[in-house]
Amino acid sequence: MLNFCGKTVARGVLGLLGAILVLLCSGCGNDGQTGKKSDGCGELATLEYARYLKMGNLCDENLLEIRSVVGRDTLVKQFLLRKRAEGDGASAVSLTPGHAKVTVLHVPLKRVVALSSAQVGFLLRLGLMDRIAAVGEGKYVADSTLYVRVQKGETAEVGNGTSISLEKILAARPDLVMDFATGGSQDDYERINSLGIPLMLTSEWQEEHPLAKIEWIKLFGKLFGVEALADSIYEQSKREYLKASGGVAGGNPARGGSEQQRVSEGETSPNKSEVEIASPSARNDTLSSFVSRLSSKSCPRVIAGMNYGGVWYAPGGNSFTAHLIKDAGGCYLWASDTSRELTFTLEEIMLVADSADVWVNPGAFSSAEDILAAEPRVRHIRAFREKRVCQNDGRKGPGGGNDFYESAVAYPAELLQSLRNCIQNATNGADSARKEFDWYHNIFIF
């Protein structure tokens, strides 16, 4: 037996994996980048919309690559998918030759720990509830059937962040732990990594467009042996989304390139926008210019975000929310901004608030009373005065978990229609009829 990279493996297994990596990694440069080959294998192809996921075949091997932006760093990890054979265990072997790290997974996976709501949503859309060995916190599970399974102990609950139980993860005997990283104090992936169980950080929540997020369903298709179903769902979702948005996805999402426990709206960015760094007078000019660009457009003008501790946090013009608003027929006040996140003072928001017809995503507050309790001054925002506030928590689970963070990512066309109904009907002073998937609703009506 040999000890390699902190793991004990048999000589035969090490030799076989070494041969695979000769094929995969020969000719890799010393620039610290993974996935680039000089031996004729090429590099992993980009997907249609997703920027942080690559999948394909190199040197006749099935590979995928995931990038996660963590603070100012970018984590890149590759996975080699090998067909599961009789007797294959749950563990995979990680090797680190040079600058590339490849984790070998035996697929299809049988048991997985899913620590984010979106991961659960993808698995449920693919009919893979039985593969979920454990979730983070059961109270956030919106699907009623899975919620009951967690309550009965049929699906384990391992916690999140500082409360995560490594012992419970081990007891779940997973083939893979799926986690995510934000760069914040609640990140737990380094502790999980110490267990020696294969770990995957998904970053669909960092994608900037609904079609980029739904494309991540292809990853789950590969991991669980339902590729044809995943591809079919993606193509159907894309077709229906583009039809609902008038044939063109708003914001021209780049081609080829949600968590409620920790990330509000799934939009955080280390980059500062031009509005954030400008002087007060320049900031006001910029705010006014954003609004003036919308004056000639005949669509409901939309403001988004909420005030916390004297700072108004709003999605930037290149964010998931901004793209969704545009595709839903709204004119977002900061649509021409190029960042993913903006910050203002409440006073700055008041300068433009009367220009907005509808207020979308008022933080994590479920009612007008909750909003006023947190920040009484927002009563002066016209959209609030005129009762035109759209929140995304119209569909909740038995424990109060917001289904927007669980299933909405896996149903982009339905999500788009839900927001469209709320924006258009909120402007007319009425709300849409309830549907099976109705995440957005006017908080003044129900």
Protein backbone atom coordinates (compact mmCIF):
# COMPACT_ATOMS: atom_id res chain seq x y z
CA MET A 1 0.00 0.00 0.00
CA LEU A 2 1.13 3.55 -0.75
CA ASN A 3 0.19 6.91 0.71
CA PHE A 4 -0.39 9.52 -2.01
CA CYS A 5 -1.79 13.03 -1.52
CA GLY A 6 -2.95 12.12 1.96
CA LYS A 7 -4.82 8.99 0.83
CA THR A 8 -3.87 5.31 1.01
CA VAL A 9 -4.35 3.44 -2.24
CA ALA A 10 -3.28 0.16 -3.78
CA ARG A 11 -0.31 0.11 -6.17
CA GLY A 12 -2.47 -1.25 -8.96
CA VAL A 13 -5.03 1.51 -8.66
CA LEU A 14 -2.31 4.14 -8.49
CA GLY A 15 -0.69 2.77 -11.61
CA LEU A 16 -3.93 2.78 -13.55
CA LEU A 17 -4.78 6.33 -12.53
CA GLY A 18 -1.27 7.43 -13.29
CA ALA A 19 -1.66 6.13 -16.83
CA ILE A 20 -4.90 8.02 -17.22
CA LEU A 21 -3.30 11.23 -16.06
CA VAL A 22 -0.42 10.83 -18.48
CA LEU A 23 -3.02 11.03 -21.21
CA LEU A 24 -4.91 13.85 -19.58
CA CYS A 25 -2.14 16.07 -18.38
CA SER A 26 0.85 15.51 -20.64
CA GLY A 27 1.90 18.78 -22.15
CA CYS A 28 0.20 20.90 -19.48
CA GLY A 29 1.94 24.23 -19.17
CA ASN A 30 3.23 25.85 -16.03
CA ASP A 31 0.86 28.81 -16.14
CA GLY A 32 -1.37 27.38 -13.42
CA GLN A 33 -4.35 26.91 -15.75
CA THR A 34 -6.18 23.62 -16.01
CA GLY A 35 -7.87 22.07 -18.99
CA LYS A 36 -5.34 23.25 -21.62
CA LYS A 37 -3.54 20.56 -23.57
CA SER A 38 -0.74 20.61 -26.15
CA ASP A 39 -0.84 16.92 -27.11
CA GLY A 40 -3.74 17.20 -29.56
CA CYS A 41 -6.50 16.61 -27.01
CA GLY A 42 -7.55 20.26 -27.11
CA GLU A 43 -9.43 21.75 -24.17
CA LEU A 44 -12.87 21.44 -22.68
CA ALA A 45 -15.57 23.14 -24.71
CA THR A 46 -17.64 25.92 -23.19
CA LEU A 47 -21.38 25.54 -22.86
CA GLU A 48 -24.06 27.66 -24.51
CA TYR A 49 -24.83 30.07 -21.67
CA ALA A 50 -23.11 28.89 -18.47
CA ARG A 51 -19.80 30.57 -17.73
CA TYR A 52 -18.62 28.59 -14.73
CA LEU A 53 -19.11 25.04 -16.02
CA LYS A 54 -17.38 23.11 -18.81
CA MET A 55 -18.02 19.51 -19.86
CA GLY A 56 -16.75 17.23 -22.60
CA ASN A 57 -14.31 14.54 -23.67
CA LEU A 58 -10.53 14.87 -23.72
CA CYS A 59 -8.25 12.02 -24.74
CA ASP A 60 -11.32 9.75 -24.75
CA GLU A 61 -12.04 10.58 -21.12
CA ASN A 62 -15.21 12.19 -19.77
CA LEU A 63 -14.26 15.39 -17.95
CA LEU A 64 -15.98 18.37 -16.38
CA GLU A 65 -14.56 21.57 -14.93
CA ILE A 66 -16.15 23.93 -12.40
CA ARG A 67 -15.02 27.46 -11.52
CA SER A 68 -16.12 29.20 -8.34
CA VAL A 69 -15.35 32.83 -7.57
CA VAL A 70 -14.52 33.01 -3.86
CA GLY A 71 -13.77 36.56 -2.79
CA ARG A 72 -10.88 37.69 -4.96
CA ASP A 73 -9.87 34.13 -5.82
CA THR A 74 -11.17 31.72 -8.43
CA LEU A 75 -11.23 28.03 -7.54
CA VAL A 76 -10.97 25.66 -10.50
CA LYS A 77 -11.56 21.94 -10.09
CA GLN A 78 -11.73 19.14 -12.65
CA PHE A 79 -13.55 15.83 -12.34
CA LEU A 80 -12.92 12.68 -14.35
CA LEU A 81 -16.10 10.62 -14.69
CA ARG A 82 -15.65 6.87 -14.99
CA LYS A 83 -18.41 4.34 -15.42
CA ARG A 84 -19.26 2.65 -12.15
CA ALA A 85 -18.28 -1.01 -12.09
CA GLU A 86 -19.46 -3.74 -9.76
CA GLY A 87 -17.71 -3.38 -6.43
CA ASP A 88 -16.69 0.27 -6.88
CA GLY A 89 -16.77 2.04 -3.53
CA ALA A 90 -18.09 5.46 -2.71
CA SER A 91 -14.67 7.08 -2.49
CA ALA A 92 -12.71 8.68 -5.32
CA VAL A 93 -8.98 9.30 -5.61
CA SER A 94 -7.63 12.82 -5.99
CA LEU A 95 -4.30 13.35 -7.73
CA THR A 96 -2.35 16.58 -8.08
CA PRO A 97 0.29 16.35 -10.82
CA GLY A 98 1.85 19.72 -11.51
CA HIS A 99 -0.82 22.39 -11.57
CA ALA A 100 -3.89 20.28 -12.34
CA LYS A 101 -6.13 18.49 -9.87
CA VAL A 102 -8.44 15.75 -11.10
CA THR A 103 -10.96 14.00 -8.89
CA VAL A 104 -12.13 10.63 -10.17
CA LEU A 105 -15.83 9.90 -9.67
CA HIS A 106 -17.60 6.62 -10.38
CA VAL A 107 -20.90 7.40 -12.10
CA PRO A 108 -23.80 7.16 -11.94
CA LEU A 109 -23.70 8.40 -8.35
CA LYS A 110 -25.93 6.56 -5.89
CA ARG A 111 -25.86 8.83 -2.83
CA VAL A 112 -25.17 12.55 -2.57
CA VAL A 113 -25.18 15.21 0.14
CA ALA A 114 -26.77 18.36 -1.33
CA LEU A 115 -26.03 21.44 0.79
CA SER A 116 -27.66 24.12 -1.38
CA SER A 117 -31.32 24.61 -2.19
CA ALA A 118 -30.63 24.90 -5.93
CA GLN A 119 -28.84 21.53 -5.97
CA VAL A 120 -31.95 20.00 -4.40
CA GLY A 121 -34.10 21.73 -7.03
CA PHE A 122 -32.12 20.26 -9.93
CA LEU A 123 -32.20 16.77 -8.42
CA LEU A 124 -35.95 16.95 -7.87
CA ARG A 125 -36.60 18.15 -11.42
CA LEU A 126 -34.72 15.08 -12.64
CA GLY A 127 -36.71 12.76 -10.38
CA LEU A 128 -33.68 11.91 -8.25
CA MET A 129 -35.07 12.40 -4.75
CA ASP A 130 -33.96 8.89 -3.75
CA ARG A 131 -30.33 9.83 -4.48
CA ILE A 132 -30.37 12.64 -1.87
CA ALA A 133 -28.74 11.04 1.18
CA ALA A 134 -28.62 14.28 3.16
CA VAL A 135 -29.42 17.99 3.02
CA GLY A 136 -28.09 20.93 4.99
CA GLU A 137 -31.03 22.19 7.05
CA GLY A 138 -34.38 20.50 6.63
CA LYS A 139 -36.40 23.60 7.51
CA TYR A 140 -35.33 25.18 4.22
CA VAL A 141 -36.59 22.28 2.10
CA ALA A 142 -39.61 23.52 0.14
CA ASP A 143 -40.65 20.25 -1.52
CA SER A 144 -43.23 18.72 0.80
CA THR A 145 -42.32 15.08 0.09
CA LEU A 146 -38.61 15.60 0.72
CA TYR A 147 -39.42 17.70 3.78
CA VAL A 148 -41.36 14.78 5.29
CA ARG A 149 -38.49 12.43 4.53
CA VAL A 150 -36.11 14.71 6.40
CA GLN A 151 -38.49 14.93 9.35
CA LYS A 152 -38.73 11.13 9.51
CA GLY A 153 -34.96 10.75 9.33
CA GLU A 154 -35.10 8.96 5.97
CA THR A 155 -32.98 11.77 4.54
CA ALA A 156 -30.29 13.01 6.89
CA GLU A 157 -29.86 16.61 8.03
CA VAL A 158 -26.20 17.61 8.45
CA GLY A 159 -26.35 21.38 9.02
CA ASN A 160 -24.58 24.25 7.28
CA GLY A 161 -21.69 26.60 7.98
CA THR A 162 -20.35 26.55 11.52
CA SER A 163 -23.11 24.13 12.58
CA ILE A 164 -22.30 21.45 10.01
CA SER A 165 -21.74 17.95 11.42
CA LEU A 166 -18.86 16.09 9.79
CA GLU A 167 -19.89 12.96 11.66
CA LYS A 168 -23.36 13.04 10.08
CA ILE A 169 -21.84 13.51 6.63
CA LEU A 170 -19.70 10.40 7.14
CA ALA A 171 -22.71 8.49 8.43
CA ALA A 172 -24.64 9.32 5.25
CA ARG A 173 -22.01 7.38 3.22
CA PRO A 174 -22.19 9.69 0.19
CA ASP A 175 -20.46 9.20 -3.15
CA LEU A 176 -20.16 12.98 -3.32
CA VAL A 177 -20.76 16.06 -1.18
CA MET A 178 -22.10 19.02 -3.17
CA ASP A 179 -21.43 22.38 -1.55
CA PHE A 180 -20.86 26.01 -2.58
CA ALA A 181 -18.55 28.82 -1.50
CA THR A 182 -19.20 32.54 -1.07
CA GLY A 183 -15.95 33.69 0.52
CA GLY A 184 -17.80 34.50 3.73
CA SER A 185 -17.39 33.31 7.31
CA GLN A 186 -20.04 30.61 6.85
CA ASP A 187 -18.10 28.69 4.21
CA ASP A 188 -17.65 25.09 5.32
CA TYR A 189 -16.07 23.43 2.28
CA GLU A 190 -12.55 23.31 3.72
CA ARG A 191 -13.77 21.37 6.76
CA ILE A 192 -15.71 18.99 4.55
CA ASN A 193 -12.68 18.51 2.32
CA SER A 194 -10.73 17.21 5.31
CA LEU A 195 -13.00 14.13 5.41
CA GLY A 196 -11.48 12.70 2.23
CA ILE A 197 -14.93 12.35 0.63
CA PRO A 198 -15.19 13.69 -2.94
CA LEU A 199 -16.32 17.33 -2.77
CA MET A 200 -17.83 19.47 -5.54
CA LEU A 201 -18.51 23.20 -5.28
CA THR A 202 -21.30 24.24 -7.63
CA SER A 203 -21.51 27.86 -8.71
CA GLU A 204 -24.76 28.05 -10.67
CA TRP A 205 -25.84 30.81 -8.26
CA GLN A 206 -23.05 33.02 -9.66
CA GLU A 207 -24.38 32.80 -13.21
CA GLU A 208 -25.92 36.01 -14.53
CA HIS A 209 -28.87 34.72 -16.52
CA PRO A 210 -31.71 32.20 -15.99
CA LEU A 211 -30.66 30.23 -19.06
CA ALA A 212 -27.11 29.96 -17.72
CA LYS A 213 -28.44 28.59 -14.44
CA ILE A 214 -30.74 25.98 -16.00
CA GLU A 215 -27.84 24.75 -18.15
CA TRP A 216 -26.28 23.38 -14.95
CA ILE A 217 -28.90 20.64 -15.05
CA LYS A 218 -26.62 18.97 -17.60
CA LEU A 219 -24.04 18.49 -14.84
CA PHE A 220 -26.55 16.57 -12.73
CA GLY A 221 -27.53 14.52 -15.78
CA LYS A 222 -23.94 13.38 -16.23
CA LEU A 223 -23.36 12.64 -12.55
CA PHE A 224 -26.51 10.57 -12.12
CA GLY A 225 -26.76 8.81 -15.49
CA VAL A 226 -29.76 10.72 -16.87
CA GLU A 227 -28.03 12.82 -19.53
CA ALA A 228 -30.78 12.46 -22.14
CA LEU A 229 -33.42 13.67 -19.69
CA ALA A 230 -31.28 16.60 -18.53
CA ASP A 231 -30.54 17.66 -22.11
CA SER A 232 -34.22 17.45 -22.99
CA ILE A 233 -35.23 19.58 -19.99
CA TYR A 234 -32.61 22.18 -20.86
CA GLU A 235 -33.67 22.44 -24.51
CA GLN A 236 -37.35 22.64 -23.58
CA SER A 237 -36.67 25.27 -20.91
CA LYS A 238 -34.58 27.35 -23.29
CA ARG A 239 -37.20 27.18 -26.02
CA GLU A 240 -40.03 28.17 -23.68
CA TYR A 241 -38.00 30.93 -22.02
CA LEU A 242 -37.01 32.52 -25.33
CA LYS A 243 -40.60 32.33 -26.53
CA ALA A 244 -41.85 33.98 -23.35
CA SER A 245 -39.24 36.74 -23.58
CA GLY A 246 -40.06 37.51 -27.19
CA GLY A 247 -37.41 35.31 -28.77
CA VAL A 248 -34.31 37.02 -27.37
CA ALA A 249 -32.89 36.60 -23.87
CA GLY A 250 -32.46 40.04 -22.32
CA GLY A 251 -29.03 41.45 -21.60
CA ASN A 252 -27.43 39.42 -24.38
CA PRO A 253 -26.14 36.73 -21.97
CA ALA A 254 -22.60 35.70 -22.82
CA ARG A 255 -22.35 32.40 -24.64
CA GLY A 256 -19.41 30.11 -24.13
CA GLY A 257 -18.17 31.30 -21.23
CA SER A 258 -29.35 30.64 -4.07
CA GLU A 259 -28.98 30.17 -1.67
CA GLN A 260 -31.31 31.48 1.05
CA GLN A 261 -29.17 30.42 3.99
CA ARG A 262 -26.23 32.60 3.03
CA VAL A 263 -26.72 34.57 -0.17
CA SER A 264 -29.51 37.09 -0.70
CA GLU A 265 -30.70 36.85 -4.32
CA GLY A 266 -27.61 34.85 -5.26
CA GLU A 267 -25.82 38.00 -6.32
CA THR A 268 -22.58 39.02 -4.68
CA SER A 269 -19.58 40.50 -6.40
CA PRO A 270 -16.15 41.72 -5.27
CA ASN A 271 -16.19 44.29 -8.03
CA LYS A 272 -17.24 47.87 -7.40
CA SER A 273 -19.47 49.53 -9.94
CA GLU A 274 -19.05 53.00 -11.35
CA VAL A 275 -21.92 54.17 -9.14
CA GLU A 276 -20.26 52.88 -5.99
CA ILE A 277 -16.94 54.64 -6.51
CA ALA A 278 -18.24 57.93 -7.89
CA SER A 279 -18.36 61.18 -5.90
CA PRO A 280 -21.77 62.18 -4.44
CA SER A 281 -22.52 64.65 -7.22
CA ALA A 282 -21.33 62.24 -9.89
CA ARG A 283 -23.41 59.47 -8.32
CA ASN A 284 -26.54 61.62 -8.48
CA ASP A 285 -25.82 62.49 -12.11
CA THR A 286 -25.38 58.81 -12.89
CA LEU A 287 -28.61 57.86 -11.12
CA SER A 288 -30.47 60.52 -13.06
CA SER A 289 -28.95 59.39 -16.35
CA PHE A 290 -30.07 55.82 -15.71
CA VAL A 291 -33.64 57.01 -15.23
CA SER A 292 -33.61 59.43 -18.18
CA ARG A 293 -32.61 56.62 -20.54
CA LEU A 294 -35.89 54.91 -19.68
CA SER A 295 -38.14 57.96 -20.10
CA SER A 296 -39.01 57.18 -23.71
CA LYS A 297 -39.78 53.49 -23.13
CA SER A 298 -43.35 52.32 -22.67
CA CYS A 299 -42.79 49.63 -20.06
CA PRO A 300 -43.22 49.48 -16.29
CA ARG A 301 -40.13 50.96 -14.65
CA VAL A 302 -38.73 48.78 -11.89
CA ILE A 303 -36.65 49.38 -8.79
CA ALA A 304 -35.14 46.48 -6.79
CA GLY A 305 -33.35 45.82 -3.53
CA MET A 306 -33.67 46.93 0.08
CA ASN A 307 -32.03 49.11 2.72
CA TYR A 308 -29.94 47.38 5.42
CA GLY A 309 -28.00 49.35 8.02
CA GLY A 310 -28.10 52.53 5.99
CA VAL A 311 -27.03 50.87 2.72
CA TRP A 312 -29.42 50.05 -0.12
CA TYR A 313 -28.29 46.88 -1.89
CA ALA A 314 -29.55 46.49 -5.43
CA PRO A 315 -28.78 44.06 -8.27
CA GLY A 316 -26.52 45.54 -10.94
CA GLY A 317 -27.52 45.81 -14.57
CA ASN A 318 -25.60 42.64 -15.45
CA SER A 319 -27.20 40.51 -12.73
CA PHE A 320 -29.62 37.60 -12.80
CA THR A 321 -32.43 39.81 -11.46
CA ALA A 322 -31.81 42.57 -14.00
CA HIS A 323 -31.93 40.11 -16.89
CA LEU A 324 -35.08 38.51 -15.52
CA ILE A 325 -36.80 41.90 -15.16
CA LYS A 326 -35.93 42.87 -18.72
CA ASP A 327 -37.11 39.55 -20.13
CA ALA A 328 -40.32 39.91 -18.10
CA GLY A 329 -41.10 43.20 -19.85
CA GLY A 330 -39.92 45.59 -17.17
CA CYS A 331 -37.51 48.51 -17.48
CA TYR A 332 -35.01 48.20 -14.65
CA LEU A 333 -33.78 51.58 -13.45
CA TRP A 334 -30.14 50.47 -13.52
CA ALA A 335 -30.30 48.27 -16.61
CA SER A 336 -27.44 50.15 -18.28
CA ASP A 337 -25.08 49.43 -15.39
CA THR A 338 -22.48 46.74 -16.14
CA SER A 339 -21.95 45.25 -12.66
CA ARG A 340 -23.72 42.53 -10.70
CA GLU A 341 -24.32 44.48 -7.51
CA LEU A 342 -24.89 48.13 -6.58
CA THR A 343 -24.99 49.99 -3.27
CA PHE A 344 -26.62 53.35 -2.52
CA THR A 345 -27.73 55.39 0.44
CA LEU A 346 -31.46 55.53 1.07
CA GLU A 347 -31.34 59.26 0.29
CA GLU A 348 -29.95 58.50 -3.15
CA ILE A 349 -32.70 55.97 -3.75
CA MET A 350 -35.33 58.56 -2.81
CA LEU A 351 -34.05 60.83 -5.58
CA VAL A 352 -35.17 58.33 -8.22
CA ALA A 353 -37.76 56.21 -6.41
CA ASP A 354 -40.73 58.15 -7.73
CA SER A 355 -39.61 57.28 -11.24
CA ALA A 356 -40.33 53.58 -10.61
CA ASP A 357 -43.73 51.96 -11.11
CA VAL A 358 -42.92 48.65 -9.39
CA TRP A 359 -40.62 47.56 -6.58
CA VAL A 360 -39.18 44.03 -6.93
CA ASN A 361 -37.37 41.87 -4.34
CA PRO A 362 -37.61 44.03 -1.20
CA GLY A 363 -34.97 42.07 0.68
CA ALA A 364 -36.13 39.06 2.67
CA PHE A 365 -39.36 40.63 3.92
CA SER A 366 -42.68 38.91 3.31
CA SER A 367 -45.18 41.68 4.07
CA ALA A 368 -45.61 45.43 4.01
CA GLU A 369 -45.58 45.44 7.82
CA ASP A 370 -42.23 43.61 7.92
CA ILE A 371 -40.73 46.08 5.47
CA LEU A 372 -41.89 49.10 7.46
CA ALA A 373 -40.65 47.58 10.72
CA ALA A 374 -37.18 47.23 9.20
CA GLU A 375 -37.11 50.63 7.48
CA PRO A 376 -40.07 53.02 8.05
CA ARG A 377 -38.80 55.57 5.53
CA VAL A 378 -39.58 53.34 2.55
CA ARG A 379 -43.24 54.34 2.98
CA HIS A 380 -42.27 57.37 0.87
CA ILE A 381 -41.28 55.23 -2.15
CA ARG A 382 -44.04 55.64 -4.75
CA ALA A 383 -44.25 51.92 -5.62
CA PHE A 384 -44.83 51.19 -1.94
CA ARG A 385 -47.39 53.98 -1.52
CA GLU A 386 -49.30 52.73 -4.55
CA LYS A 387 -49.05 49.08 -3.43
CA ARG A 388 -46.95 47.76 -6.29
CA VAL A 389 -44.36 45.55 -4.57
CA CYS A 390 -43.43 42.13 -6.01
CA GLN A 391 -41.77 39.60 -3.74
CA ASN A 392 -40.49 36.14 -4.71
CA ASP A 393 -41.75 34.15 -1.71
CA GLY A 394 -45.23 33.30 -2.93
CA ARG A 395 -44.44 29.59 -2.75
CA LYS A 396 -43.09 28.21 0.55
CA GLY A 397 -42.46 24.78 2.00
CA PRO A 398 -43.95 23.26 5.18
CA GLY A 399 -41.09 24.68 7.27
CA GLY A 400 -41.21 28.11 5.67
CA GLY A 401 -38.41 27.52 3.16
CA ASN A 402 -38.67 29.80 0.12
CA ASP A 403 -39.14 27.67 -3.00
CA PHE A 404 -37.69 30.48 -5.14
CA TYR A 405 -34.23 29.31 -4.06
CA GLU A 406 -35.05 25.62 -4.59
CA SER A 407 -37.09 24.99 -7.71
CA ALA A 408 -37.25 28.33 -9.55
CA VAL A 409 -33.75 27.87 -10.96
CA ALA A 410 -34.91 24.61 -12.55
CA TYR A 411 -38.03 26.21 -14.10
CA PRO A 412 -36.79 29.43 -15.76
CA ALA A 413 -39.70 29.87 -18.20
CA GLU A 414 -42.25 29.51 -15.41
CA LEU A 415 -40.25 31.92 -13.24
CA LEU A 416 -40.17 34.47 -16.04
CA GLN A 417 -43.94 34.24 -16.51
CA SER A 418 -44.48 34.59 -12.76
CA LEU A 419 -42.50 37.83 -12.61
CA ARG A 420 -44.12 39.11 -15.81
CA ASN A 421 -47.58 38.57 -14.33
CA CYS A 422 -46.66 40.38 -11.13
CA ILE A 423 -45.01 43.37 -12.85
CA GLN A 424 -47.76 43.86 -15.40
CA ASN A 425 -50.69 43.23 -13.06
CA ALA A 426 -49.18 45.11 -10.14
CA THR A 427 -49.09 48.17 -12.37
CA ASN A 428 -52.80 47.69 -13.08
CA GLY A 429 -53.59 47.33 -9.40
CA ALA A 430 -54.47 43.63 -9.54
CA ASP A 431 -52.64 40.35 -9.18
CA SER A 432 -52.52 37.33 -11.45
CA ALA A 433 -54.42 34.11 -10.84
CA ARG A 434 -52.48 31.58 -8.80
CA LYS A 435 -50.66 28.89 -10.76
CA GLU A 436 -48.75 25.77 -9.81
CA PHE A 437 -45.50 27.70 -9.95
CA ASP A 438 -46.15 31.23 -8.74
CA TRP A 439 -43.11 32.52 -6.90
CA TYR A 440 -43.73 36.24 -7.45
CA HIS A 441 -46.73 37.95 -5.90
CA ASN A 442 -47.84 41.42 -4.86
CA ILE A 443 -47.34 41.54 -1.08
CA PHE A 444 -50.35 43.86 -0.68
CA ILE A 445 -52.77 41.31 -2.11
CA PHE A 446 -51.74 38.02 -0.48
